[in-house]
Amino acid sequence: IQRTKTPEELIGVIAHELGHISGGHLIRTRQALEEA
């Protein structure tokens, strides 16, 4: 966050991470972590 110069830079990183979620690239862990 502190390295971003504008809101758009931070939003761009977030959009990229959302691409991982929608693409099913999530870091795989035990299902129990979803309730932790």
Full PDB file with SEQRES, HELIX, SHEET, SSBOND, CRYST1, ORIGX, SCALE, CONECT and MASTER records, all heavy atoms in Angstrom:
SEQRES   1 A   36  ILE GLN ARG THR LYS THR PRO GLU GLU LEU ILE GLY VAL          
SEQRES   2 A   36  ILE ALA HIS GLU LEU GLY HIS ILE SER GLY GLY HIS LEU          
SEQRES   3 A   36  ILE ARG THR ARG GLN ALA LEU GLU GLU ALA                      
HELIX    1 AA1 PRO A    7  SER A   22  1                                  16    
HELIX    2 AA2 GLN A   31  GLU A   35  5                                   5    
CRYST1    1.000    1.000    1.000  90.00  90.00  90.00 P 1           1          
ORIGX1      1.000000  0.000000  0.000000        0.00000                         
ORIGX2      0.000000  1.000000  0.000000        0.00000                         
ORIGX3      0.000000  0.000000  1.000000        0.00000                         
SCALE1      1.000000  0.000000  0.000000        0.00000                         
SCALE2      0.000000  1.000000  0.000000        0.00000                         
SCALE3      0.000000  0.000000  1.000000        0.00000                         
ATOM      1  N   ILE A   1       0.836  -1.209   0.000  1.00  0.00           N  
ATOM      2  CA  ILE A   1       0.000   0.000   0.000  1.00  0.00           C  
ATOM      3  C   ILE A   1       0.864   1.250   0.000  1.00  0.00           C  
ATOM      4  O   ILE A   1       0.617   2.201  -0.746  1.00  0.00           O  
ATOM      5  CB  ILE A   1      -0.941  -0.002   1.217  1.00  0.00           C  
ATOM      6  CG1 ILE A   1      -1.952  -1.153   1.126  1.00  0.00           C  
ATOM      7  CG2 ILE A   1      -1.683   1.338   1.320  1.00  0.00           C  
ATOM      8  CD1 ILE A   1      -2.832  -1.313   2.353  1.00  0.00           C  
ATOM      9  N   GLN A   2       1.900   1.240   0.825  1.00  0.00           N  
ATOM     10  CA  GLN A   2       2.742   2.424   0.945  1.00  0.00           C  
ATOM     11  C   GLN A   2       3.588   2.668  -0.296  1.00  0.00           C  
ATOM     12  O   GLN A   2       4.044   3.801  -0.510  1.00  0.00           O  
ATOM     13  CB  GLN A   2       3.630   2.310   2.185  1.00  0.00           C  
ATOM     14  CG  GLN A   2       2.838   2.420   3.488  1.00  0.00           C  
ATOM     15  CD  GLN A   2       3.704   2.269   4.717  1.00  0.00           C  
ATOM     16  OE1 GLN A   2       3.805   1.203   5.293  1.00  0.00           O  
ATOM     17  NE2 GLN A   2       4.340   3.361   5.119  1.00  0.00           N  
ATOM     18  N   ARG A   3       3.787   1.659  -1.118  1.00  0.00           N  
ATOM     19  CA  ARG A   3       4.549   1.842  -2.353  1.00  0.00           C  
ATOM     20  C   ARG A   3       3.674   2.329  -3.505  1.00  0.00           C  
ATOM     21  O   ARG A   3       4.202   2.768  -4.532  1.00  0.00           O  
ATOM     22  CB  ARG A   3       5.224   0.523  -2.746  1.00  0.00           C  
ATOM     23  CG  ARG A   3       6.461   0.194  -1.928  1.00  0.00           C  
ATOM     24  CD  ARG A   3       7.712   0.916  -2.409  1.00  0.00           C  
ATOM     25  NE  ARG A   3       8.135   0.460  -3.726  1.00  0.00           N  
ATOM     26  CZ  ARG A   3       8.900  -0.606  -3.935  1.00  0.00           C  
ATOM     27  NH1 ARG A   3       9.313  -1.347  -2.910  1.00  0.00           N  
ATOM     28  NH2 ARG A   3       9.262  -0.934  -5.148  1.00  0.00           N  
ATOM     29  N   THR A   4       2.357   2.222  -3.375  1.00  0.00           N  
ATOM     30  CA  THR A   4       1.490   2.694  -4.463  1.00  0.00           C  
ATOM     31  C   THR A   4       1.467   4.216  -4.470  1.00  0.00           C  
ATOM     32  O   THR A   4       1.442   4.857  -3.426  1.00  0.00           O  
ATOM     33  CB  THR A   4       0.057   2.151  -4.322  1.00  0.00           C  
ATOM     34  OG1 THR A   4      -0.498   2.545  -3.060  1.00  0.00           O  
ATOM     35  CG2 THR A   4       0.046   0.632  -4.415  1.00  0.00           C  
ATOM     36  N   LYS A   5       1.443   4.767  -5.669  1.00  0.00           N  
ATOM     37  CA  LYS A   5       1.450   6.217  -5.821  1.00  0.00           C  
ATOM     38  C   LYS A   5       0.059   6.793  -6.006  1.00  0.00           C  
ATOM     39  O   LYS A   5      -0.154   7.990  -5.790  1.00  0.00           O  
ATOM     40  CB  LYS A   5       2.333   6.605  -7.017  1.00  0.00           C  
ATOM     41  CG  LYS A   5       3.808   6.245  -6.863  1.00  0.00           C  
ATOM     42  CD  LYS A   5       4.601   6.697  -8.075  1.00  0.00           C  
ATOM     43  CE  LYS A   5       6.102   6.485  -7.885  1.00  0.00           C  
ATOM     44  NZ  LYS A   5       6.454   5.052  -7.775  1.00  0.00           N  
ATOM     45  N   THR A   6      -0.879   5.946  -6.427  1.00  0.00           N  
ATOM     46  CA  THR A   6      -2.240   6.412  -6.698  1.00  0.00           C  
ATOM     47  C   THR A   6      -3.245   5.331  -6.288  1.00  0.00           C  
ATOM     48  O   THR A   6      -2.879   4.154  -6.153  1.00  0.00           O  
ATOM     49  CB  THR A   6      -2.438   6.690  -8.203  1.00  0.00           C  
ATOM     50  OG1 THR A   6      -2.301   5.440  -8.923  1.00  0.00           O  
ATOM     51  CG2 THR A   6      -1.422   7.696  -8.721  1.00  0.00           C  
ATOM     52  N   PRO A   7      -4.508   5.703  -6.124  1.00  0.00           N  
ATOM     53  CA  PRO A   7      -5.532   4.681  -5.857  1.00  0.00           C  
ATOM     54  C   PRO A   7      -5.603   3.652  -6.973  1.00  0.00           C  
ATOM     55  O   PRO A   7      -5.816   2.467  -6.722  1.00  0.00           O  
ATOM     56  CB  PRO A   7      -6.829   5.496  -5.771  1.00  0.00           C  
ATOM     57  CG  PRO A   7      -6.406   6.873  -5.408  1.00  0.00           C  
ATOM     58  CD  PRO A   7      -5.075   7.065  -6.071  1.00  0.00           C  
ATOM     59  N   GLU A   8      -5.407   4.112  -8.225  1.00  0.00           N  
ATOM     60  CA  GLU A   8      -5.514   3.192  -9.360  1.00  0.00           C  
ATOM     61  C   GLU A   8      -4.478   2.076  -9.297  1.00  0.00           C  
ATOM     62  O   GLU A   8      -4.756   0.949  -9.720  1.00  0.00           O  
ATOM     63  CB  GLU A   8      -5.350   3.960 -10.683  1.00  0.00           C  
ATOM     64  CG  GLU A   8      -6.482   4.925 -10.996  1.00  0.00           C  
ATOM     65  CD  GLU A   8      -6.165   6.345 -10.568  1.00  0.00           C  
ATOM     66  OE1 GLU A   8      -5.453   6.518  -9.554  1.00  0.00           O  
ATOM     67  OE2 GLU A   8      -6.635   7.282 -11.248  1.00  0.00           O  
ATOM     68  N   GLU A   9      -3.294   2.371  -8.782  1.00  0.00           N  
ATOM     69  CA  GLU A   9      -2.280   1.316  -8.673  1.00  0.00           C  
ATOM     70  C   GLU A   9      -2.738   0.237  -7.699  1.00  0.00           C  
ATOM     71  O   GLU A   9      -2.599  -0.954  -7.978  1.00  0.00           O  
ATOM     72  CB  GLU A   9      -0.946   1.909  -8.219  1.00  0.00           C  
ATOM     73  CG  GLU A   9      -0.238   2.712  -9.288  1.00  0.00           C  
ATOM     74  CD  GLU A   9       1.207   3.026  -8.936  1.00  0.00           C  
ATOM     75  OE1 GLU A   9       1.645   2.675  -7.814  1.00  0.00           O  
ATOM     76  OE2 GLU A   9       1.905   3.607  -9.791  1.00  0.00           O  
ATOM     77  N   LEU A  10      -3.274   0.657  -6.561  1.00  0.00           N  
ATOM     78  CA  LEU A  10      -3.739  -0.319  -5.582  1.00  0.00           C  
ATOM     79  C   LEU A  10      -4.942  -1.093  -6.099  1.00  0.00           C  
ATOM     80  O   LEU A  10      -5.028  -2.315  -5.940  1.00  0.00           O  
ATOM     81  CB  LEU A  10      -4.093   0.389  -4.268  1.00  0.00           C  
ATOM     82  CG  LEU A  10      -4.552  -0.502  -3.112  1.00  0.00           C  
ATOM     83  CD1 LEU A  10      -3.545  -1.617  -2.835  1.00  0.00           C  
ATOM     84  CD2 LEU A  10      -4.776   0.336  -1.857  1.00  0.00           C  
ATOM     85  N   ILE A  11      -5.856  -0.409  -6.760  1.00  0.00           N  
ATOM     86  CA  ILE A  11      -7.027  -1.085  -7.335  1.00  0.00           C  
ATOM     87  C   ILE A  11      -6.580  -2.081  -8.398  1.00  0.00           C  
ATOM     88  O   ILE A  11      -7.149  -3.174  -8.518  1.00  0.00           O  
ATOM     89  CB  ILE A  11      -8.010  -0.063  -7.930  1.00  0.00           C  
ATOM     90  CG1 ILE A  11      -8.551   0.855  -6.827  1.00  0.00           C  
ATOM     91  CG2 ILE A  11      -9.175  -0.774  -8.622  1.00  0.00           C  
ATOM     92  CD1 ILE A  11      -9.305   2.064  -7.347  1.00  0.00           C  
ATOM     93  N   GLY A  12      -5.559  -1.729  -9.169  1.00  0.00           N  
ATOM     94  CA  GLY A  12      -5.064  -2.644 -10.191  1.00  0.00           C  
ATOM     95  C   GLY A  12      -4.538  -3.929  -9.588  1.00  0.00           C  
ATOM     96  O   GLY A  12      -4.800  -5.027 -10.106  1.00  0.00           O  
ATOM     97  N   VAL A  13      -3.792  -3.831  -8.483  1.00  0.00           N  
ATOM     98  CA  VAL A  13      -3.294  -5.029  -7.810  1.00  0.00           C  
ATOM     99  C   VAL A  13      -4.456  -5.858  -7.291  1.00  0.00           C  
ATOM    100  O   VAL A  13      -4.476  -7.095  -7.423  1.00  0.00           O  
ATOM    101  CB  VAL A  13      -2.353  -4.645  -6.648  1.00  0.00           C  
ATOM    102  CG1 VAL A  13      -1.968  -5.880  -5.839  1.00  0.00           C  
ATOM    103  CG2 VAL A  13      -1.096  -3.962  -7.186  1.00  0.00           C  
ATOM    104  N   ILE A  14      -5.451  -5.189  -6.713  1.00  0.00           N  
ATOM    105  CA  ILE A  14      -6.620  -5.906  -6.182  1.00  0.00           C  
ATOM    106  C   ILE A  14      -7.363  -6.610  -7.317  1.00  0.00           C  
ATOM    107  O   ILE A  14      -7.789  -7.769  -7.178  1.00  0.00           O  
ATOM    108  CB  ILE A  14      -7.538  -4.928  -5.433  1.00  0.00           C  
ATOM    109  CG1 ILE A  14      -6.876  -4.493  -4.126  1.00  0.00           C  
ATOM    110  CG2 ILE A  14      -8.908  -5.568  -5.156  1.00  0.00           C  
ATOM    111  CD1 ILE A  14      -7.568  -3.349  -3.430  1.00  0.00           C  
ATOM    112  N   ALA A  15      -7.535  -5.925  -8.446  1.00  0.00           N  
ATOM    113  CA  ALA A  15      -8.216  -6.546  -9.592  1.00  0.00           C  
ATOM    114  C   ALA A  15      -7.461  -7.795 -10.043  1.00  0.00           C  
ATOM    115  O   ALA A  15      -8.069  -8.815 -10.392  1.00  0.00           O  
ATOM    116  CB  ALA A  15      -8.331  -5.546 -10.739  1.00  0.00           C  
ATOM    117  N   HIS A  16      -6.137  -7.710 -10.044  1.00  0.00           N  
ATOM    118  CA  HIS A  16      -5.307  -8.875 -10.399  1.00  0.00           C  
ATOM    119  C   HIS A  16      -5.569 -10.028  -9.425  1.00  0.00           C  
ATOM    120  O   HIS A  16      -5.740 -11.176  -9.849  1.00  0.00           O  
ATOM    121  CB  HIS A  16      -3.835  -8.471 -10.365  1.00  0.00           C  
ATOM    122  CG  HIS A  16      -2.881  -9.607 -10.505  1.00  0.00           C  
ATOM    123  ND1 HIS A  16      -2.396 -10.036 -11.717  1.00  0.00           N  
ATOM    124  CD2 HIS A  16      -2.321 -10.433  -9.571  1.00  0.00           C  
ATOM    125  CE1 HIS A  16      -1.572 -11.063 -11.528  1.00  0.00           C  
ATOM    126  NE2 HIS A  16      -1.513 -11.325 -10.231  1.00  0.00           N  
ATOM    127  N   GLU A  17      -5.603  -9.739  -8.121  1.00  0.00           N  
ATOM    128  CA  GLU A  17      -5.853 -10.794  -7.137  1.00  0.00           C  
ATOM    129  C   GLU A  17      -7.251 -11.380  -7.296  1.00  0.00           C  
ATOM    130  O   GLU A  17      -7.456 -12.584  -7.105  1.00  0.00           O  
ATOM    131  CB  GLU A  17      -5.644 -10.258  -5.717  1.00  0.00           C  
ATOM    132  CG  GLU A  17      -4.228  -9.784  -5.413  1.00  0.00           C  
ATOM    133  CD  GLU A  17      -3.185 -10.880  -5.592  1.00  0.00           C  
ATOM    134  OE1 GLU A  17      -3.522 -12.066  -5.375  1.00  0.00           O  
ATOM    135  OE2 GLU A  17      -2.039 -10.563  -5.956  1.00  0.00           O  
ATOM    136  N   LEU A  18      -8.218 -10.555  -7.657  1.00  0.00           N  
ATOM    137  CA  LEU A  18      -9.567 -11.059  -7.927  1.00  0.00           C  
ATOM    138  C   LEU A  18      -9.553 -12.008  -9.122  1.00  0.00           C  
ATOM    139  O   LEU A  18     -10.341 -12.959  -9.191  1.00  0.00           O  
ATOM    140  CB  LEU A  18     -10.529  -9.898  -8.188  1.00  0.00           C  
ATOM    141  CG  LEU A  18     -10.806  -8.964  -7.006  1.00  0.00           C  
ATOM    142  CD1 LEU A  18     -11.676  -7.786  -7.458  1.00  0.00           C  
ATOM    143  CD2 LEU A  18     -11.489  -9.709  -5.865  1.00  0.00           C  
ATOM    144  N   GLY A  19      -8.628 -11.743 -10.056  1.00  0.00           N  
ATOM    145  CA  GLY A  19      -8.463 -12.647 -11.191  1.00  0.00           C  
ATOM    146  C   GLY A  19      -8.036 -14.027 -10.739  1.00  0.00           C  
ATOM    147  O   GLY A  19      -8.444 -15.045 -11.313  1.00  0.00           O  
ATOM    148  N   HIS A  20      -7.202 -14.095  -9.692  1.00  0.00           N  
ATOM    149  CA  HIS A  20      -6.811 -15.394  -9.142  1.00  0.00           C  
ATOM    150  C   HIS A  20      -8.012 -16.099  -8.506  1.00  0.00           C  
ATOM    151  O   HIS A  20      -8.173 -17.310  -8.638  1.00  0.00           O  
ATOM    152  CB  HIS A  20      -5.719 -15.208  -8.094  1.00  0.00           C  
ATOM    153  CG  HIS A  20      -4.357 -14.937  -8.657  1.00  0.00           C  
ATOM    154  ND1 HIS A  20      -3.781 -15.745  -9.610  1.00  0.00           N  
ATOM    155  CD2 HIS A  20      -3.468 -13.942  -8.399  1.00  0.00           C  
ATOM    156  CE1 HIS A  20      -2.578 -15.256  -9.912  1.00  0.00           C  
ATOM    157  NE2 HIS A  20      -2.372 -14.166  -9.199  1.00  0.00           N  
ATOM    158  N   ILE A  21      -8.858 -15.332  -7.809  1.00  0.00           N  
ATOM    159  CA  ILE A  21     -10.037 -15.934  -7.177  1.00  0.00           C  
ATOM    160  C   ILE A  21     -10.971 -16.482  -8.242  1.00  0.00           C  
ATOM    161  O   ILE A  21     -11.384 -17.649  -8.190  1.00  0.00           O  
ATOM    162  CB  ILE A  21     -10.770 -14.899  -6.294  1.00  0.00           C  
ATOM    163  CG1 ILE A  21      -9.906 -14.518  -5.095  1.00  0.00           C  
ATOM    164  CG2 ILE A  21     -12.114 -15.455  -5.826  1.00  0.00           C  
ATOM    165  CD1 ILE A  21     -10.501 -13.425  -4.220  1.00  0.00           C  
ATOM    166  N   SER A  22     -11.317 -15.642  -9.203  1.00  0.00           N  
ATOM    167  CA  SER A  22     -12.247 -16.078 -10.253  1.00  0.00           C  
ATOM    168  C   SER A  22     -11.663 -17.194 -11.103  1.00  0.00           C  
ATOM    169  O   SER A  22     -12.397 -18.044 -11.625  1.00  0.00           O  
ATOM    170  CB  SER A  22     -12.625 -14.887 -11.148  1.00  0.00           C  
ATOM    171  OG  SER A  22     -13.296 -13.899 -10.411  1.00  0.00           O  
ATOM    172  N   GLY A  23     -10.334 -17.206 -11.245  1.00  0.00           N  
ATOM    173  CA  GLY A  23      -9.694 -18.236 -12.052  1.00  0.00           C  
ATOM    174  C   GLY A  23      -9.437 -19.527 -11.310  1.00  0.00           C  
ATOM    175  O   GLY A  23      -8.871 -20.467 -11.883  1.00  0.00           O  
ATOM    176  N   GLY A  24      -9.833 -19.577 -10.029  1.00  0.00           N  
ATOM    177  CA  GLY A  24      -9.637 -20.806  -9.261  1.00  0.00           C  
ATOM    178  C   GLY A  24      -8.188 -21.069  -8.923  1.00  0.00           C  
ATOM    179  O   GLY A  24      -7.789 -22.216  -8.716  1.00  0.00           O  
ATOM    180  N   HIS A  25      -7.374 -19.997  -8.823  1.00  0.00           N  
ATOM    181  CA  HIS A  25      -5.949 -20.160  -8.525  1.00  0.00           C  
ATOM    182  C   HIS A  25      -5.661 -20.062  -7.031  1.00  0.00           C  
ATOM    183  O   HIS A  25      -4.516 -19.894  -6.634  1.00  0.00           O  
ATOM    184  CB  HIS A  25      -5.120 -19.060  -9.216  1.00  0.00           C  
ATOM    185  CG  HIS A  25      -5.382 -18.938 -10.676  1.00  0.00           C  
ATOM    186  ND1 HIS A  25      -5.099 -17.791 -11.389  1.00  0.00           N  
ATOM    187  CD2 HIS A  25      -5.907 -19.809 -11.571  1.00  0.00           C  
ATOM    188  CE1 HIS A  25      -5.436 -17.959 -12.654  1.00  0.00           C  
ATOM    189  NE2 HIS A  25      -5.939 -19.173 -12.788  1.00  0.00           N  
ATOM    190  N   LEU A  26      -6.692 -20.104  -6.208  1.00  0.00           N  
ATOM    191  CA  LEU A  26      -6.515 -19.878  -4.779  1.00  0.00           C  
ATOM    192  C   LEU A  26      -5.490 -20.807  -4.173  1.00  0.00           C  
ATOM    193  O   LEU A  26      -5.358 -21.967  -4.569  1.00  0.00           O  
ATOM    194  CB  LEU A  26      -7.850 -20.094  -4.039  1.00  0.00           C  
ATOM    195  CG  LEU A  26      -8.918 -19.017  -4.239  1.00  0.00           C  
ATOM    196  CD1 LEU A  26     -10.205 -19.444  -3.569  1.00  0.00           C  
ATOM    197  CD2 LEU A  26      -8.450 -17.706  -3.680  1.00  0.00           C  
ATOM    198  N   ILE A  27      -4.773 -20.267  -3.187  1.00  0.00           N  
ATOM    199  CA  ILE A  27      -3.855 -21.090  -2.424  1.00  0.00           C  
ATOM    200  C   ILE A  27      -4.666 -22.168  -1.733  1.00  0.00           C  
ATOM    201  O   ILE A  27      -5.621 -21.883  -1.019  1.00  0.00           O  
ATOM    202  CB  ILE A  27      -3.118 -20.226  -1.388  1.00  0.00           C  
ATOM    203  CG1 ILE A  27      -2.273 -19.180  -2.121  1.00  0.00           C  
ATOM    204  CG2 ILE A  27      -2.257 -21.069  -0.464  1.00  0.00           C  
ATOM    205  CD1 ILE A  27      -1.774 -18.091  -1.221  1.00  0.00           C  
ATOM    206  N   ARG A  28      -4.311 -23.422  -1.968  1.00  0.00           N  
ATOM    207  CA  ARG A  28      -5.103 -24.528  -1.441  1.00  0.00           C  
ATOM    208  C   ARG A  28      -4.664 -24.899  -0.038  1.00  0.00           C  
ATOM    209  O   ARG A  28      -3.499 -25.186   0.205  1.00  0.00           O  
ATOM    210  CB  ARG A  28      -4.966 -25.761  -2.351  1.00  0.00           C  
ATOM    211  CG  ARG A  28      -5.415 -25.480  -3.784  1.00  0.00           C  
ATOM    212  CD  ARG A  28      -6.879 -25.063  -3.845  1.00  0.00           C  
ATOM    213  NE  ARG A  28      -7.298 -24.782  -5.214  1.00  0.00           N  
ATOM    214  CZ  ARG A  28      -8.506 -24.332  -5.535  1.00  0.00           C  
ATOM    215  NH1 ARG A  28      -9.394 -24.117  -4.602  1.00  0.00           N  
ATOM    216  NH2 ARG A  28      -8.801 -24.086  -6.788  1.00  0.00           N  
ATOM    217  N   THR A  29      -5.569 -24.883   0.875  1.00  0.00           N  
ATOM    218  CA  THR A  29      -5.310 -25.302   2.248  1.00  0.00           C  
ATOM    219  C   THR A  29      -6.482 -26.142   2.703  1.00  0.00           C  
ATOM    220  O   THR A  29      -7.457 -26.319   1.972  1.00  0.00           O  
ATOM    221  CB  THR A  29      -5.169 -24.098   3.181  1.00  0.00           C  
ATOM    222  OG1 THR A  29      -6.377 -23.342   3.146  1.00  0.00           O  
ATOM    223  CG2 THR A  29      -4.013 -23.208   2.764  1.00  0.00           C  
ATOM    224  N   ARG A  30      -6.408 -26.640   3.927  1.00  0.00           N  
ATOM    225  CA  ARG A  30      -7.518 -27.418   4.471  1.00  0.00           C  
ATOM    226  C   ARG A  30      -8.779 -26.577   4.470  1.00  0.00           C  
ATOM    227  O   ARG A  30      -8.769 -25.383   4.732  1.00  0.00           O  
ATOM    228  CB  ARG A  30      -7.203 -27.852   5.895  1.00  0.00           C  
ATOM    229  CG  ARG A  30      -6.122 -28.896   5.982  1.00  0.00           C  
ATOM    230  CD  ARG A  30      -5.897 -29.294   7.414  1.00  0.00           C  
ATOM    231  NE  ARG A  30      -7.123 -29.714   8.039  1.00  0.00           N  
ATOM    232  CZ  ARG A  30      -7.223 -30.039   9.334  1.00  0.00           C  
ATOM    233  NH1 ARG A  30      -6.178 -29.973  10.109  1.00  0.00           N  
ATOM    234  NH2 ARG A  30      -8.376 -30.424   9.833  1.00  0.00           N  
ATOM    235  N   GLN A  31      -9.899 -27.207   4.192  1.00  0.00           N  
ATOM    236  CA  GLN A  31     -11.168 -26.499   4.153  1.00  0.00           C  
ATOM    237  C   GLN A  31     -11.445 -25.798   5.479  1.00  0.00           C  
ATOM    238  O   GLN A  31     -12.104 -24.764   5.532  1.00  0.00           O  
ATOM    239  CB  GLN A  31     -12.311 -27.467   3.829  1.00  0.00           C  
ATOM    240  CG  GLN A  31     -13.662 -26.778   3.662  1.00  0.00           C  
ATOM    241  CD  GLN A  31     -14.745 -27.762   3.273  1.00  0.00           C  
ATOM    242  OE1 GLN A  31     -14.495 -28.941   3.113  1.00  0.00           O  
ATOM    243  NE2 GLN A  31     -15.962 -27.270   3.137  1.00  0.00           N  
ATOM    244  N   ALA A  32     -10.906 -26.348   6.563  1.00  0.00           N  
ATOM    245  CA  ALA A  32     -11.137 -25.768   7.884  1.00  0.00           C  
ATOM    246  C   ALA A  32     -10.664 -24.324   7.948  1.00  0.00           C  
ATOM    247  O   ALA A  32     -11.190 -23.534   8.729  1.00  0.00           O  
ATOM    248  CB  ALA A  32     -10.430 -26.589   8.956  1.00  0.00           C  
ATOM    249  N   LEU A  33      -9.690 -23.960   7.133  1.00  0.00           N  
ATOM    250  CA  LEU A  33      -9.199 -22.595   7.181  1.00  0.00           C  
ATOM    251  C   LEU A  33     -10.258 -21.602   6.751  1.00  0.00           C  
ATOM    252  O   LEU A  33     -10.205 -20.429   7.117  1.00  0.00           O  
ATOM    253  CB  LEU A  33      -7.962 -22.440   6.294  1.00  0.00           C  
ATOM    254  CG  LEU A  33      -6.648 -22.987   6.845  1.00  0.00           C  
ATOM    255  CD1 LEU A  33      -5.519 -22.666   5.893  1.00  0.00           C  
ATOM    256  CD2 LEU A  33      -6.364 -22.424   8.216  1.00  0.00           C  
ATOM    257  N   GLU A  34     -11.224 -22.031   5.964  1.00  0.00           N  
ATOM    258  CA  GLU A  34     -12.263 -21.116   5.540  1.00  0.00           C  
ATOM    259  C   GLU A  34     -13.168 -20.731   6.700  1.00  0.00           C  
ATOM    260  O   GLU A  34     -13.971 -19.813   6.594  1.00  0.00           O  
ATOM    261  CB  GLU A  34     -13.075 -21.724   4.391  1.00  0.00           C  
ATOM    262  CG  GLU A  34     -12.226 -21.960   3.145  1.00  0.00           C  
ATOM    263  CD  GLU A  34     -13.047 -22.281   1.918  1.00  0.00           C  
ATOM    264  OE1 GLU A  34     -14.289 -22.199   2.004  1.00  0.00           O  
ATOM    265  OE2 GLU A  34     -12.447 -22.613   0.885  1.00  0.00           O  
ATOM    266  N   GLU A  35     -13.051 -21.423   7.821  1.00  0.00           N  
ATOM    267  CA  GLU A  35     -13.843 -21.103   8.998  1.00  0.00           C  
ATOM    268  C   GLU A  35     -12.945 -20.593  10.126  1.00  0.00           C  
ATOM    269  O   GLU A  35     -13.396 -20.439  11.258  1.00  0.00           O  
ATOM    270  CB  GLU A  35     -14.608 -22.344   9.460  1.00  0.00           C  
ATOM    271  CG  GLU A  35     -15.559 -22.882   8.403  1.00  0.00           C  
ATOM    272  CD  GLU A  35     -16.170 -24.219   8.802  1.00  0.00           C  
ATOM    273  OE1 GLU A  35     -15.780 -24.755   9.851  1.00  0.00           O  
ATOM    274  OE2 GLU A  35     -17.045 -24.696   8.071  1.00  0.00           O  
ATOM    275  N   ALA A  36     -11.689 -20.328   9.822  1.00  0.00           N  
ATOM    276  CA  ALA A  36     -10.733 -19.905  10.846  1.00  0.00           C  
ATOM    277  C   ALA A  36     -10.601 -18.390  10.855  1.00  0.00           C  
ATOM    278  O   ALA A  36     -11.058 -17.689   9.957  1.00  0.00           O  
ATOM    279  CB  ALA A  36      -9.370 -20.536  10.581  1.00  0.00           C  
TER     280      ALA A  36                                                      
MASTER        0    0    0    2    0    0    0    6  279    1    0    3          
END                                                                             
